[in-house]
Protein backbone atom coordinates (compact mmCIF):
# COMPACT_ATOMS: atom_id res chain seq x y z
CA UNK A 1 0.00 0.00 0.00
CA UNK A 2 2.95 2.28 0.64
CA UNK A 3 4.09 2.10 -2.99
CA UNK A 4 0.55 2.85 -4.16
CA UNK A 5 0.48 5.94 -1.97
CA UNK A 6 3.77 7.12 -3.44
CA UNK A 7 2.54 6.63 -7.02
CA UNK A 8 -0.77 8.36 -6.30
CA UNK A 9 1.17 11.23 -4.77
CA UNK A 10 3.43 11.55 -7.81
CA UNK A 11 0.64 11.40 -10.37
CA UNK A 12 -2.18 13.30 -8.72
CA UNK A 13 0.18 15.58 -6.82
CA UNK A 14 1.69 16.88 -10.04
CA UNK A 15 -1.76 17.37 -11.58
CA UNK A 16 -3.10 19.15 -8.52
CA UNK A 17 -0.04 21.41 -8.37
CA UNK A 18 -0.49 22.42 -12.00
CA UNK A 19 -4.24 22.93 -11.63
CA UNK A 20 -3.94 24.98 -8.44
CA UNK A 21 -0.85 27.00 -9.35
CA UNK A 22 -1.64 27.78 -13.00
CA UNK A 23 -5.40 27.47 -13.62
CA UNK A 24 -5.47 30.08 -16.37
CA UNK A 25 -2.56 28.46 -18.23
CA UNK A 26 -4.27 25.06 -18.06
CA UNK A 27 -7.23 26.59 -19.84
CA UNK A 28 -4.97 27.96 -22.58
CA UNK A 29 -3.43 24.54 -23.29
CA UNK A 30 -6.64 22.69 -24.02
CA UNK A 31 -7.99 23.32 -27.53
CA UNK A 32 -11.53 22.70 -26.26
CA UNK A 33 -11.38 25.46 -23.68
CA UNK A 34 -9.70 28.20 -25.73
CA UNK A 35 -13.08 29.78 -26.31
CA UNK A 36 -13.91 29.51 -22.61
CA UNK A 37 -10.54 30.62 -21.20
CA UNK A 38 -12.00 33.78 -19.68
CA UNK A 39 -14.91 32.00 -18.02
CA UNK A 40 -14.73 32.38 -14.23
CA UNK A 41 -16.93 29.32 -13.77
CA UNK A 42 -14.47 27.10 -15.62
CA UNK A 43 -11.58 28.50 -13.59
CA UNK A 44 -13.46 27.70 -10.37
CA UNK A 45 -14.11 24.18 -11.66
CA UNK A 46 -10.39 23.66 -12.39
CA UNK A 47 -9.50 24.86 -8.89
CA UNK A 48 -12.14 22.49 -7.48
CA UNK A 49 -10.65 19.54 -9.38
CA UNK A 50 -7.19 20.50 -8.07
CA UNK A 51 -8.46 20.42 -4.49
CA UNK A 52 -10.22 17.10 -5.09
CA UNK A 53 -6.87 15.65 -6.16
CA UNK A 54 -5.27 17.00 -2.97
CA UNK A 55 -8.03 15.37 -0.90
CA UNK A 56 -7.49 12.12 -2.79
CA UNK A 57 -3.80 12.20 -1.85
CA UNK A 58 -4.65 12.90 1.79
CA UNK A 59 -7.14 10.02 1.78
CA UNK A 60 -4.67 7.56 0.29
CA UNK A 61 -1.98 8.48 2.82
CA UNK A 62 -4.49 8.28 5.69
CA UNK A 63 -5.53 4.82 4.54
CA UNK A 64 -1.88 3.77 4.23
CA UNK A 65 -1.06 4.96 7.74
CA UNK A 66 -4.14 3.26 9.21
CA UNK A 67 -3.32 -0.03 7.51
CA UNK A 68 0.31 0.24 8.62
CA UNK A 69 -0.79 0.76 12.23
CA UNK A 70 -3.08 -2.29 12.06
CA UNK A 71 -0.29 -4.53 10.78
PDB file of N, CA and C in Angstrom:
ATOM      1  N   UNK A   1       0.828  -1.194   0.000  1.00  0.00           N
ATOM      2  CA  UNK A   1       0.000   0.000   0.000  1.00  0.00           C
ATOM      3  C   UNK A   1       0.870   1.254   0.000  1.00  0.00           C
ATOM      4  N   UNK A   2       2.058   1.133   0.572  1.00  0.00           N
ATOM      5  CA  UNK A   2       2.950   2.280   0.642  1.00  0.00           C
ATOM      6  C   UNK A   2       3.391   2.727  -0.752  1.00  0.00           C
ATOM      7  N   UNK A   3       3.687   1.759  -1.619  1.00  0.00           N
ATOM      8  CA  UNK A   3       4.094   2.103  -2.992  1.00  0.00           C
ATOM      9  C   UNK A   3       2.931   2.726  -3.762  1.00  0.00           C
ATOM     10  N   UNK A   4       1.721   2.253  -3.518  1.00  0.00           N
ATOM     11  CA  UNK A   4       0.551   2.848  -4.162  1.00  0.00           C
ATOM     12  C   UNK A   4       0.380   4.293  -3.735  1.00  0.00           C
ATOM     13  N   UNK A   5       0.589   4.563  -2.457  1.00  0.00           N
ATOM     14  CA  UNK A   5       0.475   5.940  -1.966  1.00  0.00           C
ATOM     15  C   UNK A   5       1.524   6.843  -2.606  1.00  0.00           C
ATOM     16  N   UNK A   6       2.716   6.329  -2.791  1.00  0.00           N
ATOM     17  CA  UNK A   6       3.766   7.121  -3.438  1.00  0.00           C
ATOM     18  C   UNK A   6       3.397   7.416  -4.885  1.00  0.00           C
ATOM     19  N   UNK A   7       2.916   6.412  -5.615  1.00  0.00           N
ATOM     20  CA  UNK A   7       2.540   6.631  -7.021  1.00  0.00           C
ATOM     21  C   UNK A   7       1.360   7.582  -7.151  1.00  0.00           C
ATOM     22  N   UNK A   8       0.370   7.439  -6.282  1.00  0.00           N
ATOM     23  CA  UNK A   8      -0.775   8.357  -6.303  1.00  0.00           C
ATOM     24  C   UNK A   8      -0.305   9.776  -6.007  1.00  0.00           C
ATOM     25  N   UNK A   9       0.636   9.910  -5.092  1.00  0.00           N
ATOM     26  CA  UNK A   9       1.169  11.227  -4.769  1.00  0.00           C
ATOM     27  C   UNK A   9       1.904  11.824  -5.959  1.00  0.00           C
ATOM     28  N   UNK A  10       2.713  11.037  -6.631  1.00  0.00           N
ATOM     29  CA  UNK A  10       3.431  11.546  -7.808  1.00  0.00           C
ATOM     30  C   UNK A  10       2.471  11.977  -8.912  1.00  0.00           C
ATOM     31  N   UNK A  11       1.518  11.125  -9.234  1.00  0.00           N
ATOM     32  CA  UNK A  11       0.637  11.395 -10.367  1.00  0.00           C
ATOM     33  C   UNK A  11      -0.349  12.517 -10.045  1.00  0.00           C
ATOM     34  N   UNK A  12      -1.151  12.317  -9.015  1.00  0.00           N
ATOM     35  CA  UNK A  12      -2.179  13.304  -8.715  1.00  0.00           C
ATOM     36  C   UNK A  12      -1.605  14.551  -8.059  1.00  0.00           C
ATOM     37  N   UNK A  13      -0.470  14.411  -7.400  1.00  0.00           N
ATOM     38  CA  UNK A  13       0.178  15.584  -6.824  1.00  0.00           C
ATOM     39  C   UNK A  13       0.670  16.543  -7.891  1.00  0.00           C
ATOM     40  N   UNK A  14       1.227  16.007  -8.965  1.00  0.00           N
ATOM     41  CA  UNK A  14       1.687  16.880 -10.038  1.00  0.00           C
ATOM     42  C   UNK A  14       0.504  17.531 -10.748  1.00  0.00           C
ATOM     43  N   UNK A  15      -0.575  16.770 -10.961  1.00  0.00           N
ATOM     44  CA  UNK A  15      -1.764  17.365 -11.585  1.00  0.00           C
ATOM     45  C   UNK A  15      -2.382  18.440 -10.699  1.00  0.00           C
ATOM     46  N   UNK A  16      -2.487  18.166  -9.408  1.00  0.00           N
ATOM     47  CA  UNK A  16      -3.099  19.148  -8.517  1.00  0.00           C
ATOM     48  C   UNK A  16      -2.239  20.396  -8.412  1.00  0.00           C
ATOM     49  N   UNK A  17      -0.914  20.245  -8.415  1.00  0.00           N
ATOM     50  CA  UNK A  17      -0.040  21.411  -8.366  1.00  0.00           C
ATOM     51  C   UNK A  17      -0.240  22.290  -9.600  1.00  0.00           C
ATOM     52  N   UNK A  18      -0.303  21.655 -10.766  1.00  0.00           N
ATOM     53  CA  UNK A  18      -0.486  22.418 -12.002  1.00  0.00           C
ATOM     54  C   UNK A  18      -1.856  23.099 -12.014  1.00  0.00           C
ATOM     55  N   UNK A  19      -2.889  22.365 -11.609  1.00  0.00           N
ATOM     56  CA  UNK A  19      -4.236  22.927 -11.631  1.00  0.00           C
ATOM     57  C   UNK A  19      -4.407  24.059 -10.626  1.00  0.00           C
ATOM     58  N   UNK A  20      -3.779  23.950  -9.458  1.00  0.00           N
ATOM     59  CA  UNK A  20      -3.944  24.981  -8.442  1.00  0.00           C
ATOM     60  C   UNK A  20      -3.008  26.168  -8.656  1.00  0.00           C
ATOM     61  N   UNK A  21      -1.833  25.921  -9.185  1.00  0.00           N
ATOM     62  CA  UNK A  21      -0.853  26.996  -9.352  1.00  0.00           C
ATOM     63  C   UNK A  21      -1.100  27.809 -10.630  1.00  0.00           C
ATOM     64  N   UNK A  22      -1.493  27.122 -11.702  1.00  0.00           N
ATOM     65  CA  UNK A  22      -1.645  27.783 -12.999  1.00  0.00           C
ATOM     66  C   UNK A  22      -2.994  27.455 -13.641  1.00  0.00           C
ATOM     67  N   UNK A  23      -4.113  27.842 -13.032  1.00  0.00           N
ATOM     68  CA  UNK A  23      -5.403  27.466 -13.624  1.00  0.00           C
ATOM     69  C   UNK A  23      -5.668  28.148 -14.967  1.00  0.00           C
ATOM     70  N   UNK A  24      -5.221  29.377 -15.119  1.00  0.00           N
ATOM     71  CA  UNK A  24      -5.466  30.082 -16.375  1.00  0.00           C
ATOM     72  C   UNK A  24      -4.631  29.485 -17.511  1.00  0.00           C
ATOM     73  N   UNK A  25      -3.413  29.073 -17.204  1.00  0.00           N
ATOM     74  CA  UNK A  25      -2.561  28.464 -18.232  1.00  0.00           C
ATOM     75  C   UNK A  25      -3.069  27.083 -18.645  1.00  0.00           C
ATOM     76  N   UNK A  26      -3.687  26.366 -17.713  1.00  0.00           N
ATOM     77  CA  UNK A  26      -4.265  25.064 -18.058  1.00  0.00           C
ATOM     78  C   UNK A  26      -5.386  25.255 -19.072  1.00  0.00           C
ATOM     79  N   UNK A  27      -6.145  26.313 -18.898  1.00  0.00           N
ATOM     80  CA  UNK A  27      -7.230  26.585 -19.836  1.00  0.00           C
ATOM     81  C   UNK A  27      -6.701  26.957 -21.220  1.00  0.00           C
ATOM     82  N   UNK A  28      -5.547  27.579 -21.292  1.00  0.00           N
ATOM     83  CA  UNK A  28      -4.973  27.962 -22.580  1.00  0.00           C
ATOM     84  C   UNK A  28      -4.443  26.760 -23.349  1.00  0.00           C
ATOM     85  N   UNK A  29      -4.034  25.709 -22.652  1.00  0.00           N
ATOM     86  CA  UNK A  29      -3.428  24.541 -23.288  1.00  0.00           C
ATOM     87  C   UNK A  29      -4.466  23.706 -24.030  1.00  0.00           C
ATOM     88  N   UNK A  30      -5.620  23.548 -23.437  1.00  0.00           N
ATOM     89  CA  UNK A  30      -6.642  22.693 -24.022  1.00  0.00           C
ATOM     90  C   UNK A  30      -7.294  23.377 -25.224  1.00  0.00           C
ATOM     91  N   UNK A  31      -7.343  22.706 -26.375  1.00  0.00           N
ATOM     92  CA  UNK A  31      -7.988  23.318 -27.534  1.00  0.00           C
ATOM     93  C   UNK A  31      -9.501  23.464 -27.351  1.00  0.00           C
ATOM     94  N   UNK A  32     -10.093  22.603 -26.523  1.00  0.00           N
ATOM     95  CA  UNK A  32     -11.526  22.699 -26.262  1.00  0.00           C
ATOM     96  C   UNK A  32     -11.875  23.978 -25.513  1.00  0.00           C
ATOM     97  N   UNK A  33     -11.026  24.361 -24.561  1.00  0.00           N
ATOM     98  CA  UNK A  33     -11.381  25.464 -23.675  1.00  0.00           C
ATOM     99  C   UNK A  33     -10.825  26.815 -24.123  1.00  0.00           C
ATOM    100  N   UNK A  34     -10.231  26.902 -25.292  1.00  0.00           N
ATOM    101  CA  UNK A  34      -9.703  28.199 -25.735  1.00  0.00           C
ATOM    102  C   UNK A  34     -10.805  29.248 -25.839  1.00  0.00           C
ATOM    103  N   UNK A  35     -11.965  28.845 -26.240  1.00  0.00           N
ATOM    104  CA  UNK A  35     -13.082  29.783 -26.312  1.00  0.00           C
ATOM    105  C   UNK A  35     -13.639  30.138 -24.949  1.00  0.00           C
ATOM    106  N   UNK A  36     -13.384  29.298 -23.962  1.00  0.00           N
ATOM    107  CA  UNK A  36     -13.910  29.505 -22.611  1.00  0.00           C
ATOM    108  C   UNK A  36     -12.828  29.934 -21.621  1.00  0.00           C
ATOM    109  N   UNK A  37     -11.670  30.340 -22.097  1.00  0.00           N
ATOM    110  CA  UNK A  37     -10.538  30.618 -21.205  1.00  0.00           C
ATOM    111  C   UNK A  37     -10.818  31.753 -20.233  1.00  0.00           C
ATOM    112  N   UNK A  38     -11.702  32.653 -20.574  1.00  0.00           N
ATOM    113  CA  UNK A  38     -11.997  33.779 -19.682  1.00  0.00           C
ATOM    114  C   UNK A  38     -13.193  33.513 -18.773  1.00  0.00           C
ATOM    115  N   UNK A  39     -13.747  32.326 -18.837  1.00  0.00           N
ATOM    116  CA  UNK A  39     -14.913  31.998 -18.023  1.00  0.00           C
ATOM    117  C   UNK A  39     -14.509  31.791 -16.564  1.00  0.00           C
ATOM    118  N   UNK A  40     -15.069  32.578 -15.646  1.00  0.00           N
ATOM    119  CA  UNK A  40     -14.730  32.384 -14.231  1.00  0.00           C
ATOM    120  C   UNK A  40     -15.268  31.068 -13.679  1.00  0.00           C
ATOM    121  N   UNK A  41     -16.363  30.583 -14.236  1.00  0.00           N
ATOM    122  CA  UNK A  41     -16.927  29.319 -13.769  1.00  0.00           C
ATOM    123  C   UNK A  41     -16.000  28.147 -14.086  1.00  0.00           C
ATOM    124  N   UNK A  42     -15.401  28.165 -15.256  1.00  0.00           N
ATOM    125  CA  UNK A  42     -14.471  27.101 -15.624  1.00  0.00           C
ATOM    126  C   UNK A  42     -13.200  27.148 -14.778  1.00  0.00           C
ATOM    127  N   UNK A  43     -12.757  28.355 -14.451  1.00  0.00           N
ATOM    128  CA  UNK A  43     -11.578  28.498 -13.587  1.00  0.00           C
ATOM    129  C   UNK A  43     -11.876  27.968 -12.179  1.00  0.00           C
ATOM    130  N   UNK A  44     -13.063  28.227 -11.685  1.00  0.00           N
ATOM    131  CA  UNK A  44     -13.463  27.704 -10.371  1.00  0.00           C
ATOM    132  C   UNK A  44     -13.528  26.178 -10.415  1.00  0.00           C
ATOM    133  N   UNK A  45     -14.040  25.628 -11.518  1.00  0.00           N
ATOM    134  CA  UNK A  45     -14.106  24.179 -11.659  1.00  0.00           C
ATOM    135  C   UNK A  45     -12.706  23.553 -11.672  1.00  0.00           C
ATOM    136  N   UNK A  46     -11.766  24.181 -12.354  1.00  0.00           N
ATOM    137  CA  UNK A  46     -10.394  23.663 -12.392  1.00  0.00           C
ATOM    138  C   UNK A  46      -9.757  23.713 -11.000  1.00  0.00           C
ATOM    139  N   UNK A  47     -10.002  24.790 -10.265  1.00  0.00           N
ATOM    140  CA  UNK A  47      -9.501  24.856  -8.887  1.00  0.00           C
ATOM    141  C   UNK A  47     -10.152  23.779  -8.019  1.00  0.00           C
ATOM    142  N   UNK A  48     -11.440  23.531  -8.223  1.00  0.00           N
ATOM    143  CA  UNK A  48     -12.142  22.485  -7.477  1.00  0.00           C
ATOM    144  C   UNK A  48     -11.535  21.112  -7.754  1.00  0.00           C
ATOM    145  N   UNK A  49     -11.260  20.818  -9.014  1.00  0.00           N
ATOM    146  CA  UNK A  49     -10.649  19.538  -9.377  1.00  0.00           C
ATOM    147  C   UNK A  49      -9.260  19.415  -8.749  1.00  0.00           C
ATOM    148  N   UNK A  50      -8.506  20.511  -8.720  1.00  0.00           N
ATOM    149  CA  UNK A  50      -7.194  20.496  -8.071  1.00  0.00           C
ATOM    150  C   UNK A  50      -7.295  20.151  -6.594  1.00  0.00           C
ATOM    151  N   UNK A  51      -8.283  20.733  -5.910  1.00  0.00           N
ATOM    152  CA  UNK A  51      -8.456  20.424  -4.492  1.00  0.00           C
ATOM    153  C   UNK A  51      -8.982  19.010  -4.268  1.00  0.00           C
ATOM    154  N   UNK A  52      -9.772  18.496  -5.192  1.00  0.00           N
ATOM    155  CA  UNK A  52     -10.222  17.104  -5.086  1.00  0.00           C
ATOM    156  C   UNK A  52      -9.033  16.162  -5.185  1.00  0.00           C
ATOM    157  N   UNK A  53      -8.085  16.464  -6.067  1.00  0.00           N
ATOM    158  CA  UNK A  53      -6.873  15.647  -6.165  1.00  0.00           C
ATOM    159  C   UNK A  53      -6.061  15.713  -4.877  1.00  0.00           C
ATOM    160  N   UNK A  54      -5.982  16.886  -4.249  1.00  0.00           N
ATOM    161  CA  UNK A  54      -5.270  17.003  -2.966  1.00  0.00           C
ATOM    162  C   UNK A  54      -5.969  16.146  -1.909  1.00  0.00           C
ATOM    163  N   UNK A  55      -7.294  16.194  -1.864  1.00  0.00           N
ATOM    164  CA  UNK A  55      -8.033  15.375  -0.897  1.00  0.00           C
ATOM    165  C   UNK A  55      -7.858  13.886  -1.178  1.00  0.00           C
ATOM    166  N   UNK A  56      -7.749  13.515  -2.438  1.00  0.00           N
ATOM    167  CA  UNK A  56      -7.487  12.121  -2.793  1.00  0.00           C
ATOM    168  C   UNK A  56      -6.134  11.674  -2.250  1.00  0.00           C
ATOM    169  N   UNK A  57      -5.129  12.521  -2.376  1.00  0.00           N
ATOM    170  CA  UNK A  57      -3.799  12.197  -1.855  1.00  0.00           C
ATOM    171  C   UNK A  57      -3.840  12.061  -0.335  1.00  0.00           C
ATOM    172  N   UNK A  58      -4.532  12.971   0.329  1.00  0.00           N
ATOM    173  CA  UNK A  58      -4.646  12.898   1.790  1.00  0.00           C
ATOM    174  C   UNK A  58      -5.361  11.613   2.205  1.00  0.00           C
ATOM    175  N   UNK A  59      -6.408  11.249   1.471  1.00  0.00           N
ATOM    176  CA  UNK A  59      -7.140  10.025   1.785  1.00  0.00           C
ATOM    177  C   UNK A  59      -6.306   8.774   1.590  1.00  0.00           C
ATOM    178  N   UNK A  60      -5.520   8.730   0.530  1.00  0.00           N
ATOM    179  CA  UNK A  60      -4.671   7.559   0.287  1.00  0.00           C
ATOM    180  C   UNK A  60      -3.610   7.430   1.376  1.00  0.00           C
ATOM    181  N   UNK A  61      -2.994   8.544   1.767  1.00  0.00           N
ATOM    182  CA  UNK A  61      -1.977   8.476   2.821  1.00  0.00           C
ATOM    183  C   UNK A  61      -2.598   8.137   4.178  1.00  0.00           C
ATOM    184  N   UNK A  62      -3.799   8.638   4.439  1.00  0.00           N
ATOM    185  CA  UNK A  62      -4.485   8.283   5.685  1.00  0.00           C
ATOM    186  C   UNK A  62      -4.781   6.786   5.724  1.00  0.00           C
ATOM    187  N   UNK A  63      -5.261   6.252   4.621  1.00  0.00           N
ATOM    188  CA  UNK A  63      -5.534   4.818   4.539  1.00  0.00           C
ATOM    189  C   UNK A  63      -4.248   4.006   4.706  1.00  0.00           C
ATOM    190  N   UNK A  64      -3.164   4.468   4.107  1.00  0.00           N
ATOM    191  CA  UNK A  64      -1.881   3.766   4.233  1.00  0.00           C
ATOM    192  C   UNK A  64      -1.395   3.754   5.675  1.00  0.00           C
ATOM    193  N   UNK A  65      -1.512   4.881   6.341  1.00  0.00           N
ATOM    194  CA  UNK A  65      -1.057   4.959   7.745  1.00  0.00           C
ATOM    195  C   UNK A  65      -1.934   4.084   8.635  1.00  0.00           C
ATOM    196  N   UNK A  66      -3.240   4.094   8.404  1.00  0.00           N
ATOM    197  CA  UNK A  66      -4.135   3.264   9.214  1.00  0.00           C
ATOM    198  C   UNK A  66      -3.836   1.786   8.999  1.00  0.00           C
ATOM    199  N   UNK A  67      -3.642   1.375   7.769  1.00  0.00           N
ATOM    200  CA  UNK A  67      -3.319  -0.026   7.511  1.00  0.00           C
ATOM    201  C   UNK A  67      -1.958  -0.407   8.078  1.00  0.00           C
ATOM    202  N   UNK A  68      -1.024   0.517   8.058  1.00  0.00           N
ATOM    203  CA  UNK A  68       0.306   0.243   8.616  1.00  0.00           C
ATOM    204  C   UNK A  68       0.224   0.074  10.129  1.00  0.00           C
ATOM    205  N   UNK A  69      -0.635   0.870  10.784  1.00  0.00           N
ATOM    206  CA  UNK A  69      -0.791   0.761  12.229  1.00  0.00           C
ATOM    207  C   UNK A  69      -1.481  -0.552  12.620  1.00  0.00           C
ATOM    208  N   UNK A  70      -2.375  -1.037  11.761  1.00  0.00           N
ATOM    209  CA  UNK A  70      -3.079  -2.291  12.063  1.00  0.00           C
ATOM    210  C   UNK A  70      -2.122  -3.473  11.949  1.00  0.00           C
ATOM    211  N   UNK A  71      -1.226  -3.419  10.961  1.00  0.00           N
ATOM    212  CA  UNK A  71      -0.291  -4.532  10.780  1.00  0.00           C
ATOM    213  C   UNK A  71       0.726  -4.474  11.877  1.00  0.00           C
TER     214      UNK A  71
END
